[in-house]
Amino acid sequence: MGGRLIDGKALASSLRAAFKTRVAALSAQGHRPGLAVILAGENPASQVYVRNKVDACEAVGIFSLKIDYPANVPQETLLAKIADLNADPAIHGILVQLPLPDHIDEEAVLEVIAPEKDVDGFHAVNVGALAQGNPRFIPCTPYGVMKMLEANRIDPAGKEAVVIGRSNIAGKPMALLLLGANATVTVCHSKTRDLAAHARRADILVAAVGRPRFVTADMVKPGAVVIDVGINRLPAEEGGKLCGDVDFEAVKEVASLITPVPGGVGPMTITMLLANTIEAAERELET
């Protein structure tokens, strides 16, 4: 008997339907939400992500501005464009698609985004607010995970939660959100001793390590909720398909609930970007 799937695609569709109403209400007041997306270089995966984000904006009525630069764009050019967008009243959210070309200081670029337009939640001000338990913008992937738990009536309070991975984009904010929801949280990483033993204690196991099929069935507590944040492409000799950080076919026989890849966390990440952009526009209207 396999675990039940957490269908991120279906949940995302439901949330986006509600977003259309909120966007229409803002637009009727002459305050249509606007998102600017900056892409530097020609990374194929980044191009796909940006296209999906722009398409999602269009589908719910958000104005989107896509700004493309070649890979050799000077850092000063990016900083100047962000400064312009910070001052643009039609833009409520600014997103710089990562990774940036090697010659650009990623932190310096992210830090010039106005915190009130930082819909990715990566600015130090917003990271600090999240750590204090009073977030303005929650990073989109862990925000999506929390919405998936909520939709499936999974209350983290009192549960053992294990997060595998400590990136600023997923692992760290995921741990903070679970802690804020009163889970007992363990963060595992490349230096963790006997990582599998930690994972087996988890009632909620979140894999965000960036390694294909890293989490195997023997690492999962029977009945655990397993959230797979990873998106990896297998080599051509293995079919070239997308897979997550979890060995899905094996782990689904152990878990009570599990997210698939694709169709799990991925659609929710973009959905929560839309949510943050709408929230930014609503807050500005209130001020």
Protein backbone atom coordinates (compact mmCIF):
# COMPACT_ATOMS: atom_id res chain seq x y z
CA MET A 1 0.00 0.00 0.00
CA GLY A 2 1.62 3.24 -1.13
CA GLY A 3 1.43 6.65 0.44
CA ARG A 4 -1.04 9.24 -0.79
CA LEU A 5 0.28 11.88 -3.17
CA ILE A 6 0.32 15.55 -2.25
CA ASP A 7 -0.73 17.06 -5.57
CA GLY A 8 1.03 20.41 -5.83
CA LYS A 9 -0.32 21.04 -9.30
CA ALA A 10 -3.95 20.77 -8.15
CA LEU A 11 -3.36 22.94 -5.08
CA ALA A 12 -1.55 25.54 -7.17
CA SER A 13 -4.46 25.66 -9.62
CA SER A 14 -6.93 26.21 -6.79
CA LEU A 15 -4.87 29.02 -5.25
CA ARG A 16 -4.33 30.74 -8.58
CA ALA A 17 -8.07 30.82 -9.20
CA ALA A 18 -8.44 32.81 -5.98
CA PHE A 19 -5.54 35.06 -6.98
CA LYS A 20 -7.41 36.15 -10.10
CA THR A 21 -10.13 37.66 -7.92
CA ARG A 22 -7.61 39.56 -5.80
CA VAL A 23 -5.77 40.85 -8.87
CA ALA A 24 -9.04 41.94 -10.49
CA ALA A 25 -10.00 43.86 -7.34
CA LEU A 26 -6.65 45.66 -7.28
CA SER A 27 -6.79 46.40 -11.00
CA ALA A 28 -10.26 47.88 -10.62
CA GLN A 29 -8.67 50.40 -8.25
CA GLY A 30 -5.99 51.25 -10.82
CA HIS A 31 -3.41 49.25 -8.88
CA ARG A 32 -2.61 46.22 -11.01
CA PRO A 33 0.18 44.13 -9.43
CA GLY A 34 3.43 44.19 -11.38
CA LEU A 35 6.43 41.82 -11.32
CA ALA A 36 9.79 42.49 -12.95
CA VAL A 37 11.98 39.48 -13.70
CA ILE A 38 15.64 39.95 -14.58
CA LEU A 39 17.51 37.21 -16.43
CA ALA A 40 21.26 37.45 -17.09
CA GLY A 41 22.79 34.90 -19.43
CA GLU A 42 21.40 31.97 -21.36
CA ASN A 43 21.15 29.21 -18.79
CA PRO A 44 18.52 26.87 -20.31
CA ALA A 45 16.94 25.95 -16.97
CA SER A 46 16.74 29.61 -15.94
CA GLN A 47 15.09 30.49 -19.24
CA VAL A 48 12.43 27.84 -18.64
CA TYR A 49 11.83 29.03 -15.07
CA VAL A 50 11.49 32.65 -16.16
CA ARG A 51 9.11 31.76 -18.96
CA ASN A 52 6.96 29.77 -16.54
CA LYS A 53 6.88 32.69 -14.11
CA VAL A 54 5.88 35.16 -16.82
CA ASP A 55 3.17 32.81 -18.11
CA ALA A 56 1.83 32.33 -14.56
CA CYS A 57 1.63 36.11 -14.08
CA GLU A 58 -0.30 36.51 -17.31
CA ALA A 59 -2.73 33.75 -16.33
CA VAL A 60 -3.83 35.53 -13.13
CA GLY A 61 -3.67 39.08 -14.50
CA ILE A 62 -0.38 40.29 -13.00
CA PHE A 63 1.61 42.66 -15.17
CA SER A 64 5.03 41.15 -15.87
CA LEU A 65 8.16 42.82 -17.20
CA LYS A 66 10.90 40.47 -18.43
CA ILE A 67 14.35 42.00 -18.70
CA ASP A 68 17.06 40.01 -20.51
CA TYR A 69 20.79 40.65 -20.36
CA PRO A 70 23.68 38.80 -21.97
CA ALA A 71 25.96 36.72 -19.75
CA ASN A 72 28.68 39.40 -19.87
CA VAL A 73 26.41 42.15 -18.52
CA PRO A 74 28.35 44.46 -16.16
CA GLN A 75 27.25 44.28 -12.54
CA GLU A 76 26.75 48.05 -12.55
CA THR A 77 24.12 47.67 -15.27
CA LEU A 78 22.12 45.26 -13.15
CA LEU A 79 22.37 47.48 -10.09
CA ALA A 80 21.23 50.52 -12.08
CA LYS A 81 18.24 48.63 -13.52
CA ILE A 82 17.18 47.44 -10.07
CA ALA A 83 17.40 51.02 -8.81
CA ASP A 84 15.06 52.08 -11.62
CA LEU A 85 12.62 49.29 -10.77
CA ASN A 86 12.71 50.20 -7.08
CA ALA A 87 11.41 53.63 -8.06
CA ASP A 88 8.83 52.39 -10.58
CA PRO A 89 5.30 52.56 -9.10
CA ALA A 90 4.04 49.99 -11.63
CA ILE A 91 6.40 47.35 -10.24
CA HIS A 92 5.55 45.76 -6.88
CA GLY A 93 7.90 42.79 -7.04
CA ILE A 94 11.45 42.39 -8.35
CA LEU A 95 12.98 38.98 -8.99
CA VAL A 96 16.53 38.33 -10.16
CA GLN A 97 16.75 34.82 -11.57
CA LEU A 98 19.55 32.81 -9.98
CA PRO A 99 22.23 31.72 -10.59
CA LEU A 100 23.89 34.84 -11.92
CA PRO A 101 27.01 34.78 -14.13
CA ASP A 102 30.22 34.10 -12.21
CA HIS A 103 31.58 37.64 -12.44
CA ILE A 104 28.56 39.12 -10.63
CA ASP A 105 28.35 39.38 -6.84
CA GLU A 106 25.00 37.72 -6.19
CA GLU A 107 24.67 39.07 -2.66
CA ALA A 108 25.38 42.63 -3.77
CA VAL A 109 22.67 42.42 -6.42
CA LEU A 110 20.04 40.96 -4.10
CA GLU A 111 20.76 43.52 -1.40
CA VAL A 112 19.92 46.51 -3.64
CA ILE A 113 16.38 45.27 -4.20
CA ALA A 114 14.02 47.33 -2.04
CA PRO A 115 12.89 45.03 0.81
CA GLU A 116 9.26 45.90 0.15
CA LYS A 117 9.67 44.62 -3.45
CA ASP A 118 11.79 41.57 -2.57
CA VAL A 119 9.15 38.97 -3.42
CA ASP A 120 11.73 36.16 -3.32
CA GLY A 121 12.37 36.96 0.36
CA PHE A 122 16.17 36.91 -0.04
CA HIS A 123 17.06 40.41 1.18
CA ALA A 124 18.80 40.46 4.56
CA VAL A 125 15.98 42.58 6.03
CA ASN A 126 13.39 39.98 5.02
CA VAL A 127 15.58 37.06 6.11
CA GLY A 128 15.92 38.71 9.52
CA ALA A 129 12.18 39.29 9.78
CA LEU A 130 11.57 35.62 9.00
CA ALA A 131 14.08 34.57 11.67
CA GLN A 132 12.24 36.77 14.17
CA GLY A 133 8.96 35.09 13.31
CA ASN A 134 7.46 38.18 11.68
CA PRO A 135 8.08 37.72 7.95
CA ARG A 136 7.17 40.25 5.30
CA PHE A 137 7.90 37.88 2.40
CA ILE A 138 8.50 34.15 2.81
CA PRO A 139 10.85 32.50 0.28
CA CYS A 140 8.58 30.90 -2.28
CA THR A 141 9.59 27.24 -2.10
CA PRO A 142 9.27 26.77 1.68
CA TYR A 143 6.15 28.97 1.63
CA GLY A 144 4.67 26.52 -0.87
CA VAL A 145 5.61 23.56 1.32
CA MET A 146 3.82 25.07 4.31
CA LYS A 147 0.71 25.63 2.18
CA MET A 148 0.85 21.96 1.09
CA LEU A 149 1.02 20.81 4.71
CA GLU A 150 -1.86 23.11 5.61
CA ALA A 151 -4.01 21.89 2.71
CA ASN A 152 -3.46 18.29 3.80
CA ARG A 153 -4.22 19.07 7.47
CA ILE A 154 -0.68 18.31 8.60
CA ASP A 155 -0.03 20.33 11.75
CA PRO A 156 3.73 20.43 12.46
CA ALA A 157 3.18 21.31 16.15
CA GLY A 158 4.90 18.79 18.39
CA LYS A 159 6.18 16.72 15.49
CA GLU A 160 9.78 15.82 14.65
CA ALA A 161 10.74 17.61 11.43
CA VAL A 162 13.99 16.94 9.60
CA VAL A 163 15.21 19.18 6.78
CA ILE A 164 18.01 17.80 4.62
CA GLY A 165 19.85 20.77 3.13
CA ARG A 166 20.76 24.21 4.45
CA SER A 167 20.57 26.54 1.44
CA ASN A 168 19.37 30.10 1.88
CA ILE A 169 16.69 29.47 -0.74
CA ALA A 170 15.10 26.35 0.71
CA GLY A 171 16.67 24.55 3.67
CA LYS A 172 17.24 27.38 6.14
CA PRO A 173 13.90 29.18 5.65
CA MET A 174 12.12 25.81 5.64
CA ALA A 175 13.57 25.03 9.05
CA LEU A 176 12.56 28.45 10.38
CA LEU A 177 8.98 28.05 9.16
CA LEU A 178 8.65 24.60 10.70
CA LEU A 179 10.12 25.91 13.94
CA GLY A 180 7.62 28.76 13.84
CA ALA A 181 4.87 26.17 13.45
CA ASN A 182 6.09 24.54 16.69
CA ALA A 183 7.82 21.51 15.22
CA THR A 184 11.03 20.17 16.74
CA VAL A 185 13.44 20.77 13.88
CA THR A 186 16.71 19.12 12.89
CA VAL A 187 18.71 20.43 9.92
CA CYS A 188 20.99 17.90 8.25
CA HIS A 189 23.76 18.68 5.75
CA SER A 190 26.96 17.33 4.23
CA LYS A 191 28.78 17.34 7.58
CA THR A 192 26.00 15.59 9.53
CA ARG A 193 27.07 12.33 11.12
CA ASP A 194 24.74 9.39 10.46
CA LEU A 195 22.27 11.49 8.52
CA ALA A 196 20.04 8.46 7.92
CA ALA A 197 19.50 8.04 11.67
CA HIS A 198 18.28 11.63 11.94
CA ALA A 199 16.00 11.19 8.92
CA ARG A 200 14.40 8.06 10.37
CA ARG A 201 13.14 10.05 13.36
CA ALA A 202 11.21 12.48 11.20
CA ASP A 203 7.43 12.73 11.19
CA ILE A 204 7.92 15.35 8.48
CA LEU A 205 10.95 14.87 6.23
CA VAL A 206 11.89 17.64 3.78
CA ALA A 207 14.58 16.81 1.21
CA ALA A 208 16.27 19.89 -0.28
CA VAL A 209 19.78 18.62 -0.92
CA GLY A 210 20.04 18.70 -4.72
CA ARG A 211 21.10 15.07 -5.15
CA PRO A 212 18.99 12.69 -7.25
CA ARG A 213 17.19 10.00 -5.24
CA PHE A 214 19.32 10.72 -2.18
CA VAL A 215 16.59 9.76 0.29
CA THR A 216 15.99 6.01 0.20
CA ALA A 217 13.25 3.96 1.79
CA ASP A 218 15.44 2.82 4.68
CA MET A 219 15.90 6.47 5.69
CA VAL A 220 12.17 7.08 6.15
CA LYS A 221 10.07 6.41 9.23
CA PRO A 222 6.95 4.40 8.34
CA GLY A 223 4.02 6.79 8.02
CA ALA A 224 6.16 9.91 7.66
CA VAL A 225 5.17 12.86 5.48
CA VAL A 226 7.88 13.25 2.82
CA ILE A 227 8.31 16.54 0.96
CA ASP A 228 10.68 16.45 -2.01
CA VAL A 229 12.00 19.91 -2.89
CA GLY A 230 14.68 18.67 -5.29
CA ILE A 231 14.51 18.91 -9.07
CA ASN A 232 17.27 16.98 -10.82
CA ARG A 233 17.70 15.74 -14.36
CA LEU A 234 19.00 12.22 -14.70
CA PRO A 235 21.80 11.50 -17.18
CA ALA A 236 20.87 10.39 -20.69
CA GLU A 237 21.78 6.77 -19.96
CA GLU A 238 19.10 6.79 -17.24
CA GLY A 239 16.47 8.32 -19.49
CA GLY A 240 17.19 12.02 -18.94
CA LYS A 241 14.00 12.42 -16.91
CA LEU A 242 13.38 14.78 -14.02
CA CYS A 243 13.53 13.32 -10.56
CA GLY A 244 13.66 14.62 -7.01
CA ASP A 245 15.95 14.15 -4.05
CA VAL A 246 13.78 11.22 -2.94
CA ASP A 247 13.72 7.71 -4.40
CA PHE A 248 10.03 8.14 -5.07
CA GLU A 249 9.02 4.62 -6.11
CA ALA A 250 10.56 3.05 -3.02
CA VAL A 251 9.75 5.76 -0.49
CA LYS A 252 6.08 6.03 -1.46
CA GLU A 253 5.61 2.52 -0.07
CA VAL A 254 6.79 3.71 3.36
CA ALA A 255 5.46 7.27 3.63
CA SER A 256 1.87 8.22 4.45
CA LEU A 257 2.04 11.30 2.22
CA ILE A 258 4.63 12.17 -0.41
CA THR A 259 5.15 14.83 -3.08
CA PRO A 260 5.99 13.72 -6.63
CA VAL A 261 8.58 15.28 -8.93
CA PRO A 262 7.45 16.83 -11.18
CA GLY A 263 4.03 18.01 -10.03
CA GLY A 264 4.73 18.45 -6.34
CA VAL A 265 6.56 21.40 -4.83
CA GLY A 266 7.54 22.95 -8.19
CA PRO A 267 4.12 24.37 -9.14
CA MET A 268 3.73 25.74 -5.61
CA THR A 269 6.99 27.69 -5.80
CA ILE A 270 5.75 29.82 -8.69
CA THR A 271 2.30 30.08 -7.11
CA MET A 272 3.73 31.58 -3.94
CA LEU A 273 5.76 34.05 -6.01
CA LEU A 274 2.42 35.25 -7.37
CA ALA A 275 1.07 35.40 -3.80
CA ASN A 276 3.99 37.53 -2.63
CA THR A 277 3.61 39.90 -5.59
CA ILE A 278 -0.10 40.35 -4.92
CA GLU A 279 0.58 40.88 -1.21
CA ALA A 280 3.18 43.53 -2.07
CA ALA A 281 0.63 45.41 -4.20
CA GLU A 282 -2.05 45.13 -1.51
CA ARG A 283 0.32 46.46 1.17
CA GLU A 284 1.30 49.43 -0.98
CA LEU A 285 -2.35 50.28 -1.55
CA GLU A 286 -2.93 50.25 2.20
CA THR A 287 -0.11 52.71 2.95
